[in-house]
Amino acid sequence: MQDPKNVKILIVEDSKVQSAHLARILQGRDYQVFQTSDGVEALEFLEKNQPTMVISDVTMPRMDGYELSRKIRQNPRFRDMPVILVTALLAPTDILNGLKCGANHFILKPYDERYLLSRIDYILLNHDASRDGALTLAFEVFLGGQKYNITAERMQILDLLFGSLEKTLQQNNELERLNIQLMQANKELRESLQAVKTLKGLIPICSSCKKIRDGQGDWQQLEDYIHTHSDADFTHGICPSCAKAFFGTSVSS
């Protein structure tokens, strides 16, 4: 595989934030990074430059990633240059469109940095081998009532299909991990609810001083008991009946 310092990667991304994030990841691996904001600007860059690889968003103004990849493949200078498409969603039609436009791989947003770098390593490692003796296949696919005429190299087909399968498995593993976390959180919540201090059942209370006996047999003031066995707190006042009995006056409720 090439020395990372000799690898030039063109980023095509209309979001400045996502473009900067991707550039930071690639520069952390010592790749040379160039950035353009859409397909039209990318083609202008390619007129004067020869990057090692292109990583392009699919949804962009003026020219999307599929059209950019198609035009790259139409240029003999870039016919063998790897193209990775980045997308938020991946449907069967996306894979077919990726095959038609000559893309080598899909990366789903949001992507894991290690996964992204492993895909780049894989493509760079296998690029020369796949280019030698490449077998081109032509076939028709019917999907959703629409016919797709596909002409693609065997390795491109395998890379896209296995890459999509790998990402699906990765998502399933992530869902399983989140499900385990959710189950654990539910268990902790149930345990917490069971441990919540509540007042229920028969509570022994002194008919004279109104103290309450707790589970350890100790007698506590009513306020103290309720405070330690619930989230309630107290603010003291005097009811109208007591005010009249003790002070000969009444208070408003």
C-alpha atoms as a PDB file:
ATOM      1  CA  MET A   1       0.000   0.000   0.000  1.00  0.00           C
ATOM      2  CA  GLN A   2       1.167   3.528  -0.711  1.00  0.00           C
ATOM      3  CA  ASP A   3       2.812   5.735   1.867  1.00  0.00           C
ATOM      4  CA  PRO A   4      -0.044   7.861   3.318  1.00  0.00           C
ATOM      5  CA  LYS A   5       1.998  11.011   2.716  1.00  0.00           C
ATOM      6  CA  ASN A   6       1.856  10.259  -1.016  1.00  0.00           C
ATOM      7  CA  VAL A   7      -1.895   9.672  -1.060  1.00  0.00           C
ATOM      8  CA  LYS A   8      -3.957  12.640  -2.278  1.00  0.00           C
ATOM      9  CA  ILE A   9      -7.650  12.579  -1.414  1.00  0.00           C
ATOM     10  CA  LEU A  10     -10.199  14.991  -2.851  1.00  0.00           C
ATOM     11  CA  ILE A  11     -13.210  15.677  -0.605  1.00  0.00           C
ATOM     12  CA  VAL A  12     -16.402  16.774  -2.374  1.00  0.00           C
ATOM     13  CA  GLU A  13     -18.876  17.975   0.260  1.00  0.00           C
ATOM     14  CA  ASP A  14     -21.232  20.969   0.292  1.00  0.00           C
ATOM     15  CA  SER A  15     -21.376  21.071   4.109  1.00  0.00           C
ATOM     16  CA  LYS A  16     -18.366  23.008   5.397  1.00  0.00           C
ATOM     17  CA  VAL A  17     -18.707  21.432   8.826  1.00  0.00           C
ATOM     18  CA  GLN A  18     -18.760  17.853   7.523  1.00  0.00           C
ATOM     19  CA  SER A  19     -16.013  18.597   5.020  1.00  0.00           C
ATOM     20  CA  ALA A  20     -13.777  19.969   7.775  1.00  0.00           C
ATOM     21  CA  HIS A  21     -14.547  16.966   9.986  1.00  0.00           C
ATOM     22  CA  LEU A  22     -13.641  14.512   7.239  1.00  0.00           C
ATOM     23  CA  ALA A  23     -10.483  16.465   6.394  1.00  0.00           C
ATOM     24  CA  ARG A  24      -9.372  16.321  10.022  1.00  0.00           C
ATOM     25  CA  ILE A  25      -9.778  12.530  10.063  1.00  0.00           C
ATOM     26  CA  LEU A  26      -7.802  12.062   6.855  1.00  0.00           C
ATOM     27  CA  GLN A  27      -5.069  14.499   7.815  1.00  0.00           C
ATOM     28  CA  GLY A  28      -4.694  12.585  11.057  1.00  0.00           C
ATOM     29  CA  ARG A  29      -3.570   9.643   8.898  1.00  0.00           C
ATOM     30  CA  ASP A  30      -1.108  11.945   7.041  1.00  0.00           C
ATOM     31  CA  TYR A  31      -3.084  11.914   3.791  1.00  0.00           C
ATOM     32  CA  GLN A  32      -2.873  14.984   1.581  1.00  0.00           C
ATOM     33  CA  VAL A  33      -6.371  16.477   1.555  1.00  0.00           C
ATOM     34  CA  PHE A  34      -8.095  18.803  -0.916  1.00  0.00           C
ATOM     35  CA  GLN A  35     -11.633  20.139  -0.502  1.00  0.00           C
ATOM     36  CA  THR A  36     -14.319  21.213  -2.986  1.00  0.00           C
ATOM     37  CA  SER A  37     -17.938  22.135  -2.296  1.00  0.00           C
ATOM     38  CA  ASP A  38     -19.770  20.290  -5.108  1.00  0.00           C
ATOM     39  CA  GLY A  39     -19.397  18.193  -8.243  1.00  0.00           C
ATOM     40  CA  VAL A  40     -18.883  21.130 -10.599  1.00  0.00           C
ATOM     41  CA  GLU A  41     -16.054  22.524  -8.472  1.00  0.00           C
ATOM     42  CA  ALA A  42     -14.583  19.027  -8.175  1.00  0.00           C
ATOM     43  CA  LEU A  43     -14.420  18.622 -11.962  1.00  0.00           C
ATOM     44  CA  GLU A  44     -12.693  21.991 -12.235  1.00  0.00           C
ATOM     45  CA  PHE A  45     -10.145  20.786  -9.678  1.00  0.00           C
ATOM     46  CA  LEU A  46      -9.610  17.517 -11.588  1.00  0.00           C
ATOM     47  CA  GLU A  47      -8.794  19.394 -14.798  1.00  0.00           C
ATOM     48  CA  LYS A  48      -5.492  20.445 -13.225  1.00  0.00           C
ATOM     49  CA  ASN A  49      -4.878  17.798 -10.579  1.00  0.00           C
ATOM     50  CA  GLN A  50      -4.616  14.013 -10.272  1.00  0.00           C
ATOM     51  CA  PRO A  51      -5.682  12.865  -6.806  1.00  0.00           C
ATOM     52  CA  THR A  52      -5.348   9.280  -5.638  1.00  0.00           C
ATOM     53  CA  MET A  53      -8.982   9.014  -4.560  1.00  0.00           C
ATOM     54  CA  VAL A  54     -12.234  10.984  -4.412  1.00  0.00           C
ATOM     55  CA  ILE A  55     -14.615  10.923  -1.446  1.00  0.00           C
ATOM     56  CA  SER A  56     -17.876  12.592  -2.418  1.00  0.00           C
ATOM     57  CA  ASP A  57     -21.200  13.276  -0.773  1.00  0.00           C
ATOM     58  CA  VAL A  58     -24.170  11.992  -2.774  1.00  0.00           C
ATOM     59  CA  THR A  59     -26.629  14.858  -2.235  1.00  0.00           C
ATOM     60  CA  MET A  60     -25.172  18.176  -3.417  1.00  0.00           C
ATOM     61  CA  PRO A  61     -26.364  21.221  -5.378  1.00  0.00           C
ATOM     62  CA  ARG A  62     -25.570  21.654  -9.078  1.00  0.00           C
ATOM     63  CA  MET A  63     -24.163  18.102  -9.445  1.00  0.00           C
ATOM     64  CA  ASP A  64     -24.715  15.128  -7.142  1.00  0.00           C
ATOM     65  CA  GLY A  65     -22.219  12.416  -6.304  1.00  0.00           C
ATOM     66  CA  TYR A  66     -23.587   9.914  -8.836  1.00  0.00           C
ATOM     67  CA  GLU A  67     -23.203  12.326 -11.737  1.00  0.00           C
ATOM     68  CA  LEU A  68     -19.738  13.341 -10.549  1.00  0.00           C
ATOM     69  CA  SER A  69     -18.642   9.698 -10.370  1.00  0.00           C
ATOM     70  CA  ARG A  70     -20.097   9.082 -13.846  1.00  0.00           C
ATOM     71  CA  LYS A  71     -18.167  11.995 -15.356  1.00  0.00           C
ATOM     72  CA  ILE A  72     -14.979  10.893 -13.608  1.00  0.00           C
ATOM     73  CA  ARG A  73     -15.301   7.440 -15.187  1.00  0.00           C
ATOM     74  CA  GLN A  74     -15.858   8.998 -18.616  1.00  0.00           C
ATOM     75  CA  ASN A  75     -12.446  10.669 -18.427  1.00  0.00           C
ATOM     76  CA  PRO A  76      -9.638   8.251 -19.414  1.00  0.00           C
ATOM     77  CA  ARG A  77      -7.309   9.981 -16.912  1.00  0.00           C
ATOM     78  CA  PHE A  78      -9.515   8.992 -13.980  1.00  0.00           C
ATOM     79  CA  ARG A  79     -11.109   5.779 -15.199  1.00  0.00           C
ATOM     80  CA  ASP A  80      -9.277   3.727 -12.562  1.00  0.00           C
ATOM     81  CA  MET A  81      -9.342   6.280  -9.737  1.00  0.00           C
ATOM     82  CA  PRO A  82     -11.279   5.009  -6.674  1.00  0.00           C
ATOM     83  CA  VAL A  83     -14.472   6.910  -5.812  1.00  0.00           C
ATOM     84  CA  ILE A  84     -16.183   6.602  -2.427  1.00  0.00           C
ATOM     85  CA  LEU A  85     -19.706   7.963  -2.074  1.00  0.00           C
ATOM     86  CA  VAL A  86     -20.963   9.220   1.292  1.00  0.00           C
ATOM     87  CA  THR A  87     -24.703   9.116   1.939  1.00  0.00           C
ATOM     88  CA  ALA A  88     -27.132   9.370   4.840  1.00  0.00           C
ATOM     89  CA  LEU A  89     -29.352   6.529   3.556  1.00  0.00           C
ATOM     90  CA  LEU A  90     -28.589   3.375   1.614  1.00  0.00           C
ATOM     91  CA  ALA A  91     -31.335   1.642  -0.367  1.00  0.00           C
ATOM     92  CA  PRO A  92     -31.057  -1.076  -3.055  1.00  0.00           C
ATOM     93  CA  THR A  93     -31.501   1.609  -5.719  1.00  0.00           C
ATOM     94  CA  ASP A  94     -28.500   3.461  -4.278  1.00  0.00           C
ATOM     95  CA  ILE A  95     -26.332   0.381  -4.792  1.00  0.00           C
ATOM     96  CA  LEU A  96     -27.541   0.051  -8.385  1.00  0.00           C
ATOM     97  CA  ASN A  97     -26.921   3.745  -9.042  1.00  0.00           C
ATOM     98  CA  GLY A  98     -23.486   3.327  -7.496  1.00  0.00           C
ATOM     99  CA  LEU A  99     -22.731   0.476  -9.893  1.00  0.00           C
ATOM    100  CA  LYS A 100     -24.005   2.460 -12.874  1.00  0.00           C
ATOM    101  CA  CYS A 101     -21.881   5.501 -12.080  1.00  0.00           C
ATOM    102  CA  GLY A 102     -18.727   3.491 -11.326  1.00  0.00           C
ATOM    103  CA  ALA A 103     -18.398   4.140  -7.581  1.00  0.00           C
ATOM    104  CA  ASN A 104     -16.187   1.783  -5.598  1.00  0.00           C
ATOM    105  CA  HIS A 105     -17.792   2.021  -2.184  1.00  0.00           C
ATOM    106  CA  PHE A 106     -20.475   3.599   0.002  1.00  0.00           C
ATOM    107  CA  ILE A 107     -19.913   5.129   3.428  1.00  0.00           C
ATOM    108  CA  LEU A 108     -23.006   5.820   5.524  1.00  0.00           C
ATOM    109  CA  LYS A 109     -23.411   8.980   7.604  1.00  0.00           C
ATOM    110  CA  PRO A 110     -22.747   9.265  10.444  1.00  0.00           C
ATOM    111  CA  TYR A 111     -19.634   7.167   9.940  1.00  0.00           C
ATOM    112  CA  ASP A 112     -17.230   5.682  12.420  1.00  0.00           C
ATOM    113  CA  GLU A 113     -13.720   7.069  11.915  1.00  0.00           C
ATOM    114  CA  ARG A 114     -12.056   3.668  12.190  1.00  0.00           C
ATOM    115  CA  TYR A 115     -14.475   2.158   9.702  1.00  0.00           C
ATOM    116  CA  LEU A 116     -13.888   4.975   7.222  1.00  0.00           C
ATOM    117  CA  LEU A 117     -10.109   4.628   7.441  1.00  0.00           C
ATOM    118  CA  SER A 118     -10.318   0.842   7.122  1.00  0.00           C
ATOM    119  CA  ARG A 119     -12.334   1.237   3.907  1.00  0.00           C
ATOM    120  CA  ILE A 120      -9.761   3.631   2.499  1.00  0.00           C
ATOM    121  CA  ASP A 121      -6.951   1.227   3.441  1.00  0.00           C
ATOM    122  CA  TYR A 122      -8.816  -1.646   1.795  1.00  0.00           C
ATOM    123  CA  ILE A 123      -9.419   0.252  -1.449  1.00  0.00           C
ATOM    124  CA  LEU A 124      -5.838   1.493  -1.661  1.00  0.00           C
ATOM    125  CA  LEU A 125      -4.483  -1.977  -0.913  1.00  0.00           C
ATOM    126  CA  ASN A 126      -6.636  -3.732  -3.491  1.00  0.00           C
ATOM    127  CA  HIS A 127      -6.751  -1.032  -6.150  1.00  0.00           C
ATOM    128  CA  ASP A 128      -3.757  -2.186  -8.192  1.00  0.00           C
ATOM    129  CA  ALA A 129      -4.728  -5.832  -7.890  1.00  0.00           C
ATOM    130  CA  SER A 130      -8.313  -5.235  -8.994  1.00  0.00           C
ATOM    131  CA  ARG A 131      -7.182  -3.078 -11.909  1.00  0.00           C
ATOM    132  CA  ASP A 132      -5.028  -5.866 -13.347  1.00  0.00           C
ATOM    133  CA  GLY A 133      -7.106  -8.358 -15.297  1.00  0.00           C
ATOM    134  CA  ALA A 134     -10.400  -6.702 -14.354  1.00  0.00           C
ATOM    135  CA  LEU A 135     -13.465  -8.599 -15.551  1.00  0.00           C
ATOM    136  CA  THR A 136     -16.372  -6.448 -16.761  1.00  0.00           C
ATOM    137  CA  LEU A 137     -19.914  -7.777 -16.474  1.00  0.00           C
ATOM    138  CA  ALA A 138     -23.085  -6.518 -18.133  1.00  0.00           C
ATOM    139  CA  PHE A 139     -26.522  -7.436 -16.805  1.00  0.00           C
ATOM    140  CA  GLU A 140     -30.050  -6.183 -16.248  1.00  0.00           C
ATOM    141  CA  VAL A 141     -31.744  -5.726 -12.885  1.00  0.00           C
ATOM    142  CA  PHE A 142     -35.464  -5.058 -12.300  1.00  0.00           C
ATOM    143  CA  LEU A 143     -36.269  -3.255  -9.057  1.00  0.00           C
ATOM    144  CA  GLY A 144     -39.433  -1.412  -8.114  1.00  0.00           C
ATOM    145  CA  GLY A 145     -40.818  -1.802 -11.619  1.00  0.00           C
ATOM    146  CA  GLN A 146     -37.756  -0.152 -13.153  1.00  0.00           C
ATOM    147  CA  LYS A 147     -35.060  -1.761 -15.272  1.00  0.00           C
ATOM    148  CA  TYR A 148     -31.402  -1.018 -14.567  1.00  0.00           C
ATOM    149  CA  ASN A 149     -28.754  -1.790 -17.187  1.00  0.00           C
ATOM    150  CA  ILE A 150     -25.540  -2.363 -15.281  1.00  0.00           C
ATOM    151  CA  THR A 151     -22.041  -2.588 -16.707  1.00  0.00           C
ATOM    152  CA  ALA A 152     -19.441  -2.879 -13.989  1.00  0.00           C
ATOM    153  CA  GLU A 153     -16.247  -4.643 -13.076  1.00  0.00           C
ATOM    154  CA  ARG A 154     -16.551  -7.743 -10.951  1.00  0.00           C
ATOM    155  CA  MET A 155     -14.488  -6.301  -8.100  1.00  0.00           C
ATOM    156  CA  GLN A 156     -16.558  -3.122  -8.102  1.00  0.00           C
ATOM    157  CA  ILE A 157     -19.726  -5.189  -7.741  1.00  0.00           C
ATOM    158  CA  LEU A 158     -18.256  -7.268  -4.938  1.00  0.00           C
ATOM    159  CA  ASP A 159     -16.859  -4.235  -3.136  1.00  0.00           C
ATOM    160  CA  LEU A 160     -20.186  -2.400  -3.193  1.00  0.00           C
ATOM    161  CA  LEU A 161     -22.219  -5.437  -2.170  1.00  0.00           C
ATOM    162  CA  PHE A 162     -19.876  -6.605   0.577  1.00  0.00           C
ATOM    163  CA  GLY A 163     -19.383  -3.041   1.764  1.00  0.00           C
ATOM    164  CA  SER A 164     -23.154  -2.593   2.035  1.00  0.00           C
ATOM    165  CA  LEU A 165     -23.484  -5.936   3.818  1.00  0.00           C
ATOM    166  CA  GLU A 166     -20.689  -5.049   6.211  1.00  0.00           C
ATOM    167  CA  LYS A 167     -22.345  -1.731   7.042  1.00  0.00           C
ATOM    168  CA  THR A 168     -25.683  -3.485   7.600  1.00  0.00           C
ATOM    169  CA  LEU A 169     -24.049  -5.937   9.987  1.00  0.00           C
ATOM    170  CA  GLN A 170     -22.332  -3.042  11.742  1.00  0.00           C
ATOM    171  CA  GLN A 171     -25.684  -1.291  12.157  1.00  0.00           C
ATOM    172  CA  ASN A 172     -27.279  -4.496  13.462  1.00  0.00           C
ATOM    173  CA  ASN A 173     -24.481  -4.871  15.991  1.00  0.00           C
ATOM    174  CA  GLU A 174     -24.991  -1.269  17.044  1.00  0.00           C
ATOM    175  CA  LEU A 175     -28.734  -1.845  17.408  1.00  0.00           C
ATOM    176  CA  GLU A 176     -28.041  -4.945  19.491  1.00  0.00           C
ATOM    177  CA  ARG A 177     -25.643  -2.971  21.681  1.00  0.00           C
ATOM    178  CA  LEU A 178     -28.219  -0.203  22.138  1.00  0.00           C
ATOM    179  CA  ASN A 179     -30.893  -2.793  22.916  1.00  0.00           C
ATOM    180  CA  ILE A 180     -28.694  -4.293  25.636  1.00  0.00           C
ATOM    181  CA  GLN A 181     -28.112  -0.817  27.059  1.00  0.00           C
ATOM    182  CA  LEU A 182     -31.861  -0.144  26.963  1.00  0.00           C
ATOM    183  CA  MET A 183     -32.608  -3.405  28.765  1.00  0.00           C
ATOM    184  CA  GLN A 184     -30.024  -2.553  31.412  1.00  0.00           C
ATOM    185  CA  ALA A 185     -31.470   0.943  31.799  1.00  0.00           C
ATOM    186  CA  ASN A 186     -34.973  -0.503  32.175  1.00  0.00           C
ATOM    187  CA  LYS A 187     -33.695  -2.928  34.796  1.00  0.00           C
ATOM    188  CA  GLU A 188     -32.029  -0.125  36.725  1.00  0.00           C
ATOM    189  CA  LEU A 189     -35.186   1.955  36.430  1.00  0.00           C
ATOM    190  CA  ARG A 190     -37.319  -0.865  37.814  1.00  0.00           C
ATOM    191  CA  GLU A 191     -34.888  -1.357  40.667  1.00  0.00           C
ATOM    192  CA  SER A 192     -34.901   2.381  41.323  1.00  0.00           C
ATOM    193  CA  LEU A 193     -38.688   2.483  41.337  1.00  0.00           C
ATOM    194  CA  GLN A 194     -38.751  -0.383  43.798  1.00  0.00           C
ATOM    195  CA  ALA A 195     -36.319   1.493  45.988  1.00  0.00           C
ATOM    196  CA  VAL A 196     -38.277   4.738  45.859  1.00  0.00           C
ATOM    197  CA  LYS A 197     -39.414   5.640  49.318  1.00  0.00           C
ATOM    198  CA  THR A 198     -43.169   5.449  49.406  1.00  0.00           C
ATOM    199  CA  LEU A 199     -45.806   5.551  52.135  1.00  0.00           C
ATOM    200  CA  LYS A 200     -48.166   2.607  51.893  1.00  0.00           C
ATOM    201  CA  GLY A 201     -49.657  -0.105  54.057  1.00  0.00           C
ATOM    202  CA  LEU A 202     -50.307   0.099  57.801  1.00  0.00           C
ATOM    203  CA  ILE A 203     -48.049   2.598  59.601  1.00  0.00           C
ATOM    204  CA  PRO A 204     -47.968   2.471  63.440  1.00  0.00           C
ATOM    205  CA  ILE A 205     -48.671   5.943  64.857  1.00  0.00           C
ATOM    206  CA  CYS A 206     -48.941   7.027  68.484  1.00  0.00           C
ATOM    207  CA  SER A 207     -52.498   8.158  69.271  1.00  0.00           C
ATOM    208  CA  SER A 208     -51.147  10.684  71.761  1.00  0.00           C
ATOM    209  CA  CYS A 209     -47.983  12.343  70.456  1.00  0.00           C
ATOM    210  CA  LYS A 210     -48.526  11.292  66.816  1.00  0.00           C
ATOM    211  CA  LYS A 211     -45.010   9.864  66.436  1.00  0.00           C
ATOM    212  CA  ILE A 212     -44.570   7.103  63.851  1.00  0.00           C
ATOM    213  CA  ARG A 213     -42.705   3.843  64.383  1.00  0.00           C
ATOM    214  CA  ASP A 214     -40.314   2.985  61.529  1.00  0.00           C
ATOM    215  CA  GLY A 215     -39.192  -0.423  60.330  1.00  0.00           C
ATOM    216  CA  GLN A 216     -36.416  -0.544  62.938  1.00  0.00           C
ATOM    217  CA  GLY A 217     -38.838   0.045  65.808  1.00  0.00           C
ATOM    218  CA  ASP A 218     -37.749   3.628  66.394  1.00  0.00           C
ATOM    219  CA  TRP A 219     -40.345   6.351  66.949  1.00  0.00           C
ATOM    220  CA  GLN A 220     -39.975   9.504  64.868  1.00  0.00           C
ATOM    221  CA  GLN A 221     -41.775  12.791  64.543  1.00  0.00           C
ATOM    222  CA  LEU A 222     -44.358  12.710  61.775  1.00  0.00           C
ATOM    223  CA  GLU A 223     -42.466  15.342  59.754  1.00  0.00           C
ATOM    224  CA  ASP A 224     -39.175  13.471  60.012  1.00  0.00           C
ATOM    225  CA  TYR A 225     -40.724  10.177  58.974  1.00  0.00           C
ATOM    226  CA  ILE A 226     -42.474  11.552  55.917  1.00  0.00           C
ATOM    227  CA  HIS A 227     -39.369  13.537  54.931  1.00  0.00           C
ATOM    228  CA  THR A 228     -37.161  10.409  54.961  1.00  0.00           C
ATOM    229  CA  HIS A 229     -39.730   8.144  53.257  1.00  0.00           C
ATOM    230  CA  SER A 230     -40.885  10.404  50.439  1.00  0.00           C
ATOM    231  CA  ASP A 231     -39.933  13.435  48.358  1.00  0.00           C
ATOM    232  CA  ALA A 232     -42.343  15.632  50.311  1.00  0.00           C
ATOM    233  CA  ASP A 233     -41.227  18.494  52.507  1.00  0.00           C
ATOM    234  CA  PHE A 234     -43.077  20.716  54.969  1.00  0.00           C
ATOM    235  CA  THR A 235     -44.013  24.327  55.432  1.00  0.00           C
ATOM    236  CA  HIS A 236     -45.671  25.024  58.773  1.00  0.00           C
ATOM    237  CA  GLY A 237     -48.854  26.989  59.370  1.00  0.00           C
ATOM    238  CA  ILE A 238     -52.017  26.759  61.471  1.00  0.00           C
ATOM    239  CA  CYS A 239     -55.424  25.612  60.419  1.00  0.00           C
ATOM    240  CA  PRO A 240     -58.543  27.727  61.112  1.00  0.00           C
ATOM    241  CA  SER A 241     -59.860  25.341  63.782  1.00  0.00           C
ATOM    242  CA  CYS A 242     -56.632  25.389  65.805  1.00  0.00           C
ATOM    243  CA  ALA A 243     -56.293  29.132  65.436  1.00  0.00           C
ATOM    244  CA  LYS A 244     -59.784  29.642  66.860  1.00  0.00           C
ATOM    245  CA  ALA A 245     -59.271  27.081  69.670  1.00  0.00           C
ATOM    246  CA  PHE A 246     -55.904  28.433  70.846  1.00  0.00           C
ATOM    247  CA  PHE A 247     -56.027  32.107  69.931  1.00  0.00           C
ATOM    248  CA  GLY A 248     -59.718  32.860  69.775  1.00  0.00           C
ATOM    249  CA  THR A 249     -59.435  34.071  66.231  1.00  0.00           C
ATOM    250  CA  SER A 250     -59.626  32.604  62.758  1.00  0.00           C
ATOM    251  CA  VAL A 251     -57.275  32.593  59.789  1.00  0.00           C
ATOM    252  CA  SER A 252     -58.156  32.563  56.132  1.00  0.00           C
ATOM    253  CA  SER A 253     -57.530  29.330  54.272  1.00  0.00           C
END
